[in-house]
Protein backbone atom coordinates (compact mmCIF):
# COMPACT_ATOMS: atom_id res chain seq x y z
CA MET A 1 183.76 -44.48 6.89
CA LYS A 2 184.16 -41.24 4.36
CA ASN A 3 187.51 -39.69 4.18
CA SER A 4 188.27 -36.48 6.32
CA ASN A 5 187.26 -34.41 3.20
CA GLU A 6 184.03 -35.75 2.78
CA LEU A 7 182.97 -36.06 6.48
CA LEU A 8 182.17 -32.51 7.03
CA GLU A 9 181.17 -31.76 3.90
CA PRO A 10 177.63 -29.41 3.74
CA ASN A 11 174.54 -31.55 2.01
CA GLN A 12 172.00 -29.00 1.63
CA ILE A 13 169.59 -31.63 -0.29
CA LYS A 14 169.44 -33.90 2.73
CA HIS A 15 169.29 -30.63 5.00
CA TYR A 16 166.25 -29.40 3.12
CA ARG A 17 164.69 -32.72 2.68
CA ASP A 18 164.96 -33.24 6.67
CA ILE A 19 163.41 -29.71 7.00
CA ALA A 20 160.50 -30.51 5.09
CA ARG A 21 160.03 -34.31 6.80
CA ASP A 22 160.19 -32.39 10.29
CA GLU A 23 157.41 -29.50 8.96
CA LEU A 24 155.14 -32.37 8.05
CA THR A 25 155.37 -34.01 11.12
CA ALA A 26 154.80 -30.80 12.93
CA LEU A 27 151.57 -30.53 11.19
CA ARG A 28 150.84 -33.97 11.89
CA VAL A 29 151.34 -32.83 15.47
CA ALA A 30 149.60 -29.74 15.31
CA VAL A 31 146.47 -31.30 13.99
CA ILE A 32 146.35 -33.85 16.71
CA LYS A 33 146.95 -31.40 19.50
CA ASP A 34 145.45 -28.22 18.26
CA TRP A 35 142.40 -29.38 16.08
CA LYS A 36 139.75 -27.27 18.18
CA TRP A 37 141.92 -24.19 16.87
CA ILE A 38 141.99 -25.64 13.26
CA ALA A 39 137.96 -26.32 13.05
CA PHE A 40 137.46 -22.83 14.51
CA SER A 41 139.67 -21.60 11.60
CA LEU A 42 138.14 -23.62 9.07
CA VAL A 43 134.06 -23.04 10.16
CA ALA A 44 135.41 -19.42 9.74
CA PHE A 45 136.81 -19.37 6.40
CA ILE A 46 133.46 -21.06 5.52
CA VAL A 47 131.16 -18.29 6.99
CA SER A 48 133.58 -15.63 5.22
CA LEU A 49 132.78 -17.56 1.89
CA TYR A 50 129.39 -17.44 2.55
CA PHE A 51 129.48 -13.88 2.90
CA ILE A 52 132.00 -12.93 0.31
CA ASN A 53 130.13 -15.96 -2.02
CA PRO A 54 132.82 -15.76 -4.50
CA LEU A 55 131.37 -18.01 -7.30
CA PRO A 56 128.46 -16.27 -9.75
CA PRO A 57 125.69 -18.31 -11.40
CA SER A 58 126.36 -19.71 -14.85
CA LYS A 59 123.12 -18.19 -16.68
CA VAL A 60 121.57 -14.77 -16.45
CA THR A 61 118.28 -13.53 -17.69
CA LEU A 62 118.13 -9.57 -19.16
CA ALA A 63 115.19 -8.24 -20.34
CA SER A 64 115.94 -6.65 -23.60
CA GLY A 65 113.00 -4.95 -25.31
CA GLN A 66 111.47 -5.41 -28.65
CA PRO A 67 113.05 -7.39 -31.70
CA ASN A 68 115.70 -5.09 -33.63
CA SER A 69 115.47 -2.29 -31.34
CA SER A 70 118.42 -0.32 -29.98
CA LEU A 71 117.83 -2.25 -26.17
CA ASN A 72 117.90 -5.74 -28.13
CA ILE A 73 120.84 -5.02 -30.02
CA VAL A 74 122.57 -3.73 -26.74
CA GLY A 75 121.19 -7.19 -25.48
CA THR A 76 122.97 -9.03 -28.24
CA ARG A 77 126.36 -7.17 -27.62
CA LEU A 78 126.48 -7.79 -24.04
CA GLN A 79 125.67 -11.26 -24.71
CA LYS A 80 128.49 -11.96 -26.85
CA TYR A 81 130.62 -10.65 -24.00
CA PHE A 82 129.14 -13.14 -21.68
CA GLU A 83 129.38 -15.88 -23.70
CA GLU A 84 133.55 -15.31 -23.74
CA ALA A 85 133.55 -15.21 -20.00
CA GLY A 86 131.57 -18.43 -19.93
CA VAL A 87 128.24 -17.14 -18.62
CA GLU A 88 124.71 -17.74 -20.44
CA LEU A 89 122.89 -14.43 -20.89
CA ALA A 90 119.49 -15.13 -21.99
CA LEU A 91 117.59 -12.14 -23.69
CA ILE A 92 113.85 -11.85 -22.59
CA GLN A 93 111.76 -9.77 -24.91
CA SER A 94 109.50 -7.19 -23.71
CA ASN A 95 107.57 -4.45 -25.01
CA GLY A 96 110.07 -1.85 -24.15
CA ALA A 97 111.83 -0.38 -21.58
CA VAL A 98 108.82 0.13 -18.95
CA GLN A 99 107.64 -3.45 -19.21
CA SER A 100 111.27 -4.59 -18.60
CA LEU A 101 111.45 -2.74 -15.67
CA GLN A 102 108.24 -4.34 -14.51
CA LEU A 103 109.62 -7.67 -15.44
CA LEU A 104 112.81 -6.83 -12.95
CA GLU A 105 110.61 -5.44 -10.18
CA ASN A 106 108.69 -8.93 -10.10
CA ASN A 107 111.67 -10.94 -10.21
CA LYS A 108 111.14 -12.53 -13.42
CA VAL A 109 114.51 -11.52 -14.69
CA ASP A 110 117.81 -10.56 -13.08
CA ALA A 111 118.89 -7.24 -15.16
CA ALA A 112 116.87 -5.18 -17.69
CA LEU A 113 117.77 -2.93 -20.45
CA SER A 114 115.54 0.41 -19.59
CA GLN A 115 115.43 3.97 -20.18
CA GLY A 116 116.78 6.92 -18.21
CA GLY A 117 114.00 8.72 -16.39
CA LEU A 118 112.12 5.52 -15.23
CA SER A 119 111.71 5.38 -11.59
CA THR A 120 110.47 2.33 -9.30
CA SER A 121 109.02 1.94 -6.11
CA SER A 122 111.53 -0.90 -5.49
CA ASP A 123 114.31 -0.67 -3.12
CA ALA A 124 116.07 -3.80 -4.43
CA ILE A 125 116.68 -2.40 -7.92
CA SER A 126 120.19 -0.79 -8.40
CA SER A 127 121.60 1.27 -11.56
CA LEU A 128 125.25 0.14 -13.42
CA GLY A 129 124.39 3.40 -15.42
CA SER A 130 124.16 4.20 -19.00
CA VAL A 131 125.58 2.56 -22.34
CA ASN A 132 124.43 4.81 -24.99
CA TYR A 133 122.39 7.79 -25.95
CA MET A 134 118.87 6.96 -27.22
CA PRO A 135 117.45 10.10 -29.27
CA VAL A 136 113.72 10.71 -30.08
CA TRP A 137 113.18 10.40 -33.59
CA PHE A 138 110.19 11.07 -35.56
CA PHE A 139 109.56 9.90 -39.04
CA TYR A 140 107.01 11.53 -41.22
CA ARG A 141 105.85 11.56 -44.88
CA GLY A 142 105.21 14.64 -46.95
CA GLN A 143 106.32 17.92 -46.89
CA ILE A 144 109.18 19.04 -44.37
CA LEU A 145 107.60 20.40 -41.09
CA ASP A 146 108.13 23.93 -39.87
CA ASN A 147 108.98 24.42 -36.24
CA ASP A 148 105.44 23.59 -34.93
CA PRO A 149 104.10 20.24 -36.02
CA ARG A 150 101.11 20.81 -33.85
CA SER A 151 98.60 20.47 -36.74
CA PHE A 152 100.32 17.44 -38.32
CA LEU A 153 100.39 15.75 -35.34
CA GLU A 154 96.69 16.64 -34.36
CA THR A 155 95.37 15.43 -37.96
CA LYS A 156 97.70 12.69 -39.03
CA LYS A 157 98.00 9.15 -38.57
CA ILE A 158 100.88 8.72 -35.81
CA SER A 159 102.32 5.52 -34.36
CA VAL A 160 103.57 6.42 -30.47
CA ASN A 161 104.80 2.82 -30.22
CA LEU A 162 103.35 0.08 -27.57
CA LYS A 163 101.97 0.60 -23.97
CA GLY A 164 105.16 -0.37 -21.85
CA SER A 165 107.60 0.97 -24.31
CA GLY A 166 109.99 3.57 -23.35
CA THR A 167 109.30 5.20 -26.86
CA ASN A 168 105.45 5.42 -25.71
CA ARG A 169 106.33 7.13 -22.48
CA LEU A 170 108.87 9.23 -23.44
CA VAL A 171 106.85 10.91 -26.33
CA ASN A 172 103.92 11.48 -23.91
CA THR A 173 106.65 13.17 -21.75
CA ILE A 174 107.65 15.50 -24.43
CA LEU A 175 104.37 16.09 -25.97
CA ALA A 176 103.17 17.14 -22.42
CA GLN A 177 105.62 20.27 -22.54
CA HIS A 178 103.30 21.38 -25.62
CA GLU A 179 100.19 20.10 -23.64
CA LEU A 180 99.57 17.65 -26.67
CA LEU A 181 99.08 13.83 -24.45
CA GLY A 182 98.97 11.09 -26.97
CA GLU A 183 96.15 9.46 -24.85
CA SER A 184 93.53 12.58 -25.98
CA HIS A 185 94.28 11.98 -29.77
CA PRO A 186 92.37 9.31 -31.41
CA ASN A 187 94.80 9.66 -34.17
CA PHE A 188 97.39 8.31 -31.99
CA ILE A 189 98.07 4.82 -32.57
CA GLU A 190 99.90 2.01 -30.72
CA LEU A 191 102.14 -0.19 -32.88
CA SER A 192 105.28 -1.99 -31.90
CA SER A 193 108.42 -0.35 -33.22
CA GLY A 194 108.87 -3.13 -35.97
CA ASP A 195 105.12 -2.74 -36.86
CA SER A 196 105.41 1.06 -36.90
CA THR A 197 108.29 0.90 -39.52
CA LYS A 198 106.38 -1.56 -41.87
CA ALA A 199 103.08 0.96 -41.75
CA LEU A 200 105.45 4.13 -42.48
CA LEU A 201 107.34 2.53 -45.15
CA ASN A 202 103.88 1.38 -47.10
CA GLY A 203 102.18 4.33 -46.17
CA SER A 204 99.62 3.13 -43.82
CA ILE A 205 100.58 5.68 -41.43
CA ASP A 206 101.98 9.29 -41.90
CA GLY A 207 104.21 9.30 -39.34
CA MET A 208 106.02 7.46 -35.88
CA PHE A 209 108.01 7.98 -32.97
CA LEU A 210 111.18 6.01 -32.46
CA VAL A 211 113.38 6.06 -29.28
CA ALA A 212 116.44 4.31 -30.68
CA GLY A 213 120.21 4.57 -31.11
CA PHE A 214 122.29 4.72 -34.50
CA GLU A 215 122.57 0.91 -34.04
CA SER A 216 118.71 0.01 -34.57
CA GLU A 217 117.63 -1.63 -37.36
CA ASN A 218 114.24 -0.10 -37.89
CA LEU A 219 115.96 3.08 -37.44
CA GLN A 220 118.50 2.06 -40.48
CA LYS A 221 115.58 1.23 -42.46
CA LEU A 222 113.69 4.46 -42.20
CA LEU A 223 116.91 6.23 -42.75
CA ASN A 224 117.58 4.80 -46.14
CA ALA A 225 114.07 4.68 -47.16
CA PRO A 226 113.16 7.46 -50.12
CA GLY A 227 110.27 9.99 -49.03
CA ILE A 228 110.56 9.63 -45.32
CA GLU A 229 111.64 12.67 -43.39
CA VAL A 230 113.61 13.34 -40.16
CA TYR A 231 112.30 15.79 -38.03
CA ASP A 232 114.42 18.23 -36.47
CA PHE A 233 113.50 19.11 -32.93
CA PRO A 234 113.71 23.32 -32.19
CA PHE A 235 113.29 22.63 -29.05
CA ALA A 236 115.78 20.05 -28.14
CA PRO A 237 117.60 22.41 -25.89
CA ALA A 238 114.82 23.57 -24.14
CA TYR A 239 113.73 19.73 -23.27
CA GLU A 240 117.23 19.20 -21.85
CA ARG A 241 116.62 22.40 -19.50
CA ARG A 242 113.28 21.18 -18.53
CA VAL A 243 113.30 17.41 -18.25
CA ASP A 244 115.96 16.01 -15.57
CA PHE A 245 116.93 12.82 -17.98
CA LEU A 246 117.00 14.46 -21.45
CA ASP A 247 119.71 15.61 -23.12
CA HIS A 248 120.41 17.46 -26.53
CA VAL A 249 121.86 15.40 -29.26
CA THR A 250 122.80 16.69 -33.13
CA VAL A 251 123.07 14.50 -36.06
CA PRO A 252 125.41 16.76 -38.05
CA ARG A 253 124.93 17.56 -41.87
CA GLY A 254 126.49 14.76 -43.93
CA SER A 255 127.13 12.54 -41.10
CA ILE A 256 125.32 9.59 -42.60
CA ASP A 257 126.26 10.21 -46.04
CA LEU A 258 127.89 12.56 -48.24
CA ASN A 259 126.98 11.18 -51.97
CA PRO A 260 124.27 12.54 -51.82
CA ILE A 261 124.17 14.68 -48.36
CA VAL A 262 122.26 12.97 -45.47
CA PRO A 263 120.86 14.66 -43.43
CA LYS A 264 120.75 18.00 -45.46
CA LYS A 265 121.30 20.19 -42.47
CA ASN A 266 122.17 19.46 -38.88
CA ILE A 267 119.35 17.87 -37.02
CA ASP A 268 118.62 18.38 -33.46
CA MET A 269 116.76 15.89 -31.15
CA PRO A 270 116.17 14.92 -27.27
CA ALA A 271 117.58 11.70 -25.99
CA THR A 272 117.84 9.61 -23.25
CA THR A 273 120.07 6.78 -22.33
CA THR A 274 120.04 3.18 -22.51
CA VAL A 275 120.35 1.96 -18.89
CA VAL A 276 121.24 -1.47 -17.33
CA LEU A 277 119.32 -2.24 -14.05
CA VAL A 278 120.06 -5.07 -11.73
CA ASN A 279 118.34 -6.78 -8.55
CA ASP A 280 120.55 -5.65 -5.69
CA ASP A 281 120.82 -9.79 -4.89
CA LEU A 282 122.70 -10.06 -8.21
CA HIS A 283 125.97 -11.77 -7.56
CA PRO A 284 128.58 -8.91 -7.75
CA ALA A 285 130.73 -10.64 -10.46
CA ILE A 286 127.41 -10.86 -12.48
CA GLN A 287 127.33 -7.18 -11.77
CA TYR A 288 131.15 -6.50 -12.38
CA LEU A 289 130.83 -8.49 -15.65
CA PHE A 290 128.22 -6.10 -17.19
CA LEU A 291 130.29 -3.12 -16.26
CA LYS A 292 133.33 -4.52 -17.74
CA SER A 293 131.41 -5.71 -20.91
CA MET A 294 129.30 -2.31 -21.25
CA SER A 295 132.97 -0.67 -20.78
CA GLU A 296 134.62 -2.74 -23.74
CA MET A 297 131.49 -2.57 -25.97
CA ASP A 298 131.85 1.46 -26.08
CA ASP A 299 135.28 0.78 -26.86
CA GLU A 300 134.56 -1.77 -29.67
CA TYR A 301 131.50 -0.35 -31.20
CA LYS A 302 131.88 3.29 -31.79
CA PRO A 303 128.79 5.12 -30.86
CA PHE A 304 127.28 7.60 -33.36
CA PHE A 305 126.27 9.82 -30.64
CA THR A 306 128.83 10.50 -28.21
CA ARG A 307 129.43 11.63 -24.86
CA SER A 308 132.72 13.78 -23.91
CA ALA A 309 133.67 11.69 -20.89
CA GLY A 310 132.57 8.47 -22.33
CA PHE A 311 130.13 5.67 -21.61
CA PRO A 312 129.40 3.54 -19.29
CA ALA A 313 128.81 6.33 -16.95
CA TYR A 314 126.08 6.87 -14.22
CA THR A 315 124.06 9.76 -16.01
CA ASP A 316 120.50 9.45 -14.70
CA ARG A 317 120.08 9.31 -11.15
CA THR A 318 116.65 8.28 -10.67
CA ILE A 319 117.60 4.99 -9.86
CA PRO A 320 120.39 4.55 -6.99
CA GLN A 321 123.69 3.50 -8.36
CA SER A 322 124.44 0.02 -7.11
CA LEU A 323 127.57 -0.46 -4.56
CA GLU A 324 129.70 -2.69 -7.65
CA ALA A 325 128.95 0.03 -10.23
CA LYS A 326 130.37 2.91 -7.90
CA ARG A 327 133.49 0.51 -7.12
CA PHE A 328 133.88 0.37 -11.13
CA TYR A 329 133.86 4.19 -11.80
CA GLU A 330 135.85 5.17 -9.16
CA HIS A 331 138.63 2.40 -9.67
CA GLY A 332 138.05 0.95 -13.10
CA LYS A 333 138.51 -2.47 -13.88
CA SER A 334 140.40 -4.50 -11.60
CA PRO A 335 144.24 -4.51 -11.59
CA ILE A 336 144.46 -8.29 -12.18
CA ASP A 337 141.20 -8.50 -14.75
CA ARG A 338 143.69 -9.08 -17.64
CA TYR A 339 145.23 -12.39 -15.82
CA VAL A 340 142.40 -14.34 -14.03
CA PRO A 341 138.61 -14.77 -14.85
CA PHE A 342 136.23 -11.97 -14.26
CA TRP A 343 134.77 -13.58 -10.90
CA MET A 344 138.27 -13.71 -9.17
CA ALA A 345 139.00 -10.28 -10.48
CA SER A 346 135.77 -9.09 -8.92
CA LEU A 347 136.19 -11.09 -5.73
CA ALA A 348 139.75 -9.37 -5.82
CA ASP A 349 138.01 -5.88 -5.64
CA ARG A 350 135.38 -6.70 -2.92
CA ALA A 351 137.42 -8.85 -0.77
CA TRP A 352 140.66 -6.76 -0.34
CA PHE A 353 139.25 -5.31 3.09
CA TYR A 354 138.77 -8.90 4.53
CA LEU A 355 142.19 -10.10 2.55
CA LEU A 356 144.22 -7.33 4.37
CA ALA A 357 142.72 -8.13 8.02
CA PHE A 358 143.12 -11.91 6.89
CA ILE A 359 146.60 -11.08 6.74
CA ALA A 360 146.90 -8.69 9.44
CA VAL A 361 145.95 -11.50 11.55
CA VAL A 362 147.22 -14.68 10.12
CA PHE A 363 150.60 -13.34 8.52
CA PRO A 364 152.19 -13.37 12.05
CA LEU A 365 150.49 -16.94 12.45
CA LEU A 366 152.07 -17.99 9.44
CA ASN A 367 155.24 -16.74 10.86
CA ILE A 368 155.41 -19.00 13.43
CA VAL A 369 153.95 -21.83 11.39
CA PRO A 370 157.22 -22.72 9.97
CA ARG A 371 158.71 -22.66 13.47
CA TYR A 372 155.99 -25.03 14.80
CA ARG A 373 158.32 -27.87 15.10
CA LEU A 374 160.79 -25.85 17.23
CA VAL A 375 158.24 -24.10 19.56
CA ASN A 376 156.79 -27.67 20.36
CA PHE A 377 160.26 -29.19 20.89
CA GLN A 378 161.32 -25.99 23.22
CA LEU A 379 158.02 -26.41 25.22
CA SER A 380 159.03 -30.04 25.61
CA LEU A 381 162.41 -28.99 26.70
CA GLN A 382 161.39 -26.56 29.29
CA ARG A 383 158.95 -29.09 30.85
CA ALA A 384 162.14 -31.41 31.11
CA TYR A 385 164.48 -28.52 32.79
CA THR A 386 161.30 -28.10 35.34
CA HIS A 387 161.60 -31.81 35.99
CA LEU A 388 165.20 -31.62 36.53
CA ASN A 389 165.14 -28.52 39.03
CA ASP A 390 162.28 -30.21 40.90
CA ILE A 391 164.17 -33.28 41.02
CA GLU A 392 167.66 -31.45 42.26
CA GLN A 393 165.20 -29.61 44.78
CA ALA A 394 163.78 -32.98 46.35
CA LEU A 395 167.57 -34.29 46.04
CA GLN A 396 169.07 -31.48 48.26
CA HIS A 397 166.08 -31.92 50.65
CA SER A 398 166.12 -35.82 50.93
CA GLU A 399 167.21 -37.89 54.33
CA THR A 400 167.01 -41.35 53.64
CA LEU A 401 168.27 -43.71 51.03
CA ALA A 402 164.73 -44.85 50.18
CA GLU A 403 164.08 -41.08 49.48
CA VAL A 404 167.13 -40.92 46.93
CA ASN A 405 166.28 -44.35 45.42
CA LEU A 406 162.75 -42.69 44.98
CA ILE A 407 164.46 -39.65 43.23
CA ASN A 408 166.61 -41.67 41.05
CA LYS A 409 163.53 -43.87 39.82
CA ASN A 410 161.58 -40.58 38.99
CA LEU A 411 164.83 -39.43 36.89
CA ARG A 412 164.93 -42.86 35.29
CA GLN A 413 161.43 -42.00 34.35
CA LEU A 414 162.35 -38.74 32.76
CA SER A 415 165.25 -40.14 31.05
CA ILE A 416 162.99 -42.44 29.02
CA ALA A 417 160.37 -39.62 28.20
CA ILE A 418 163.73 -37.29 27.09
CA LYS A 419 164.57 -40.36 24.86
CA LYS A 420 161.43 -40.26 22.86
CA LEU A 421 161.45 -36.60 22.14
CA TRP A 422 161.04 -35.93 18.77
CA ILE A 423 164.52 -33.85 18.16
CA PRO A 424 163.76 -31.45 14.62
CA THR A 425 166.63 -30.53 12.53
CA GLY A 426 168.03 -27.58 14.48
CA GLY A 427 167.30 -28.67 17.77
CA GLN A 428 170.32 -31.02 18.29
CA GLU A 429 172.43 -28.53 20.48
CA ALA A 430 169.45 -28.00 22.93
CA TYR A 431 168.90 -31.36 23.27
CA TYR A 432 172.64 -32.23 24.10
CA GLN A 433 172.62 -29.35 26.53
CA LEU A 434 169.65 -31.31 28.21
CA MET A 435 171.63 -34.31 28.09
CA GLN A 436 174.32 -32.68 29.64
CA ALA A 437 172.17 -31.16 32.65
CA PHE A 438 170.27 -34.62 32.79
CA GLY A 439 174.05 -36.23 33.41
CA VAL A 440 174.92 -33.66 36.29
CA ILE A 441 171.90 -34.54 38.06
CA GLN A 442 172.57 -38.25 37.59
CA SER A 443 175.73 -38.05 39.06
CA GLU A 444 174.52 -36.01 42.06
CA ILE A 445 172.11 -38.67 42.48
CA ASP A 446 174.49 -41.69 42.50
CA SER A 447 176.83 -39.78 44.82
CA ALA A 448 173.86 -39.44 47.10
CA ILE A 449 173.16 -43.26 46.94
CA ARG A 450 176.70 -43.98 47.63
CA TYR A 451 177.26 -41.37 50.67
CA ARG A 452 173.76 -43.42 52.28
CA GLU A 453 174.84 -46.48 51.87
CA LYS A 454 178.12 -45.81 53.51
CA ALA A 455 176.35 -44.03 56.48
């Protein structure tokens, strides 16, 4: 036997080991006794997962316009961010913004890089906002044009890009302001941006329209080509006022090169924006990844044409904003974005309401679960005391020895049940109080038996 100093020395390791054992036993008992509630909770959890839909697809398709276009370059940049997040972003080429939107409307792609001002009859398409400005450039050969290029446009061979392209649509919108529609002029031809660039550089055509951001490869070729001029749109501020989705941007003098000075003067242009459109059923986490990538792209690739409030932004309101985009523009990236995968950050943003509701309901239960072992034990004690009370009442009303012997038999059965009780850590005091009460009743029964036997 241990000495007197060690006999009552606290053993914390054994204490916590006993508690852990009791908790596991209590959990097993709970599963056996309360399996219906556990099954119900599991079904509710699965249903919640179905509606929250936490896991995004591993592959997404994006309509990205013509090769070497601004849309295609934006798509390639987004592709890099998606790859870093472990999602494949497949770029689907098209004639341009108009056809890209048609692909999205026909569910041929999950998302599309389109152009500000393009509308859709579909209620299932939403906007994630704009990522940059895309000015309307007009490149031409010959003498510098004056403020009214009407005669040049009516007599020279001009490329207005392909039907289905954003350039073709936007050029016709601007020409309509001057009652000069492209379809009514046989000298207006339809070539892709790449073919138009080649034709202008080799002299096959006299001019070309191009809607492109500064990153466009076709644009860079034209800016650096000798003998190619850039038109200064004198009515760019007017277009901004007259057409909702157009803005006025400027290429400052010398901003392209200072030796020699390019351009030699400020060049004003109307501009639309590159818009990211998605199907409403596109997974919210993928929408969040688009928005996050758009934001990081604006930081990494400093745009030539800037906006005071920056990009991305919901500037073009032709197509309604998605709920995910609205949440992103109001609150920014998720606070945990830097520490967890993008889909978990998106899930946290979307599920916080459900999480709070879950905590409000489950937290009190979680507070009870660690005491489940004691709760069950206390309920068993209460039933034991109830039986003891019934036995005591029956003893007080007994009249014969046979009745007392029957009561004694019932007490012994209760004794057997009590001794089979699982006594959890922390329940010993209550157990011995019960046994003390049991001993009192047993003494009363023994006295009643002796009395009846003498009678």
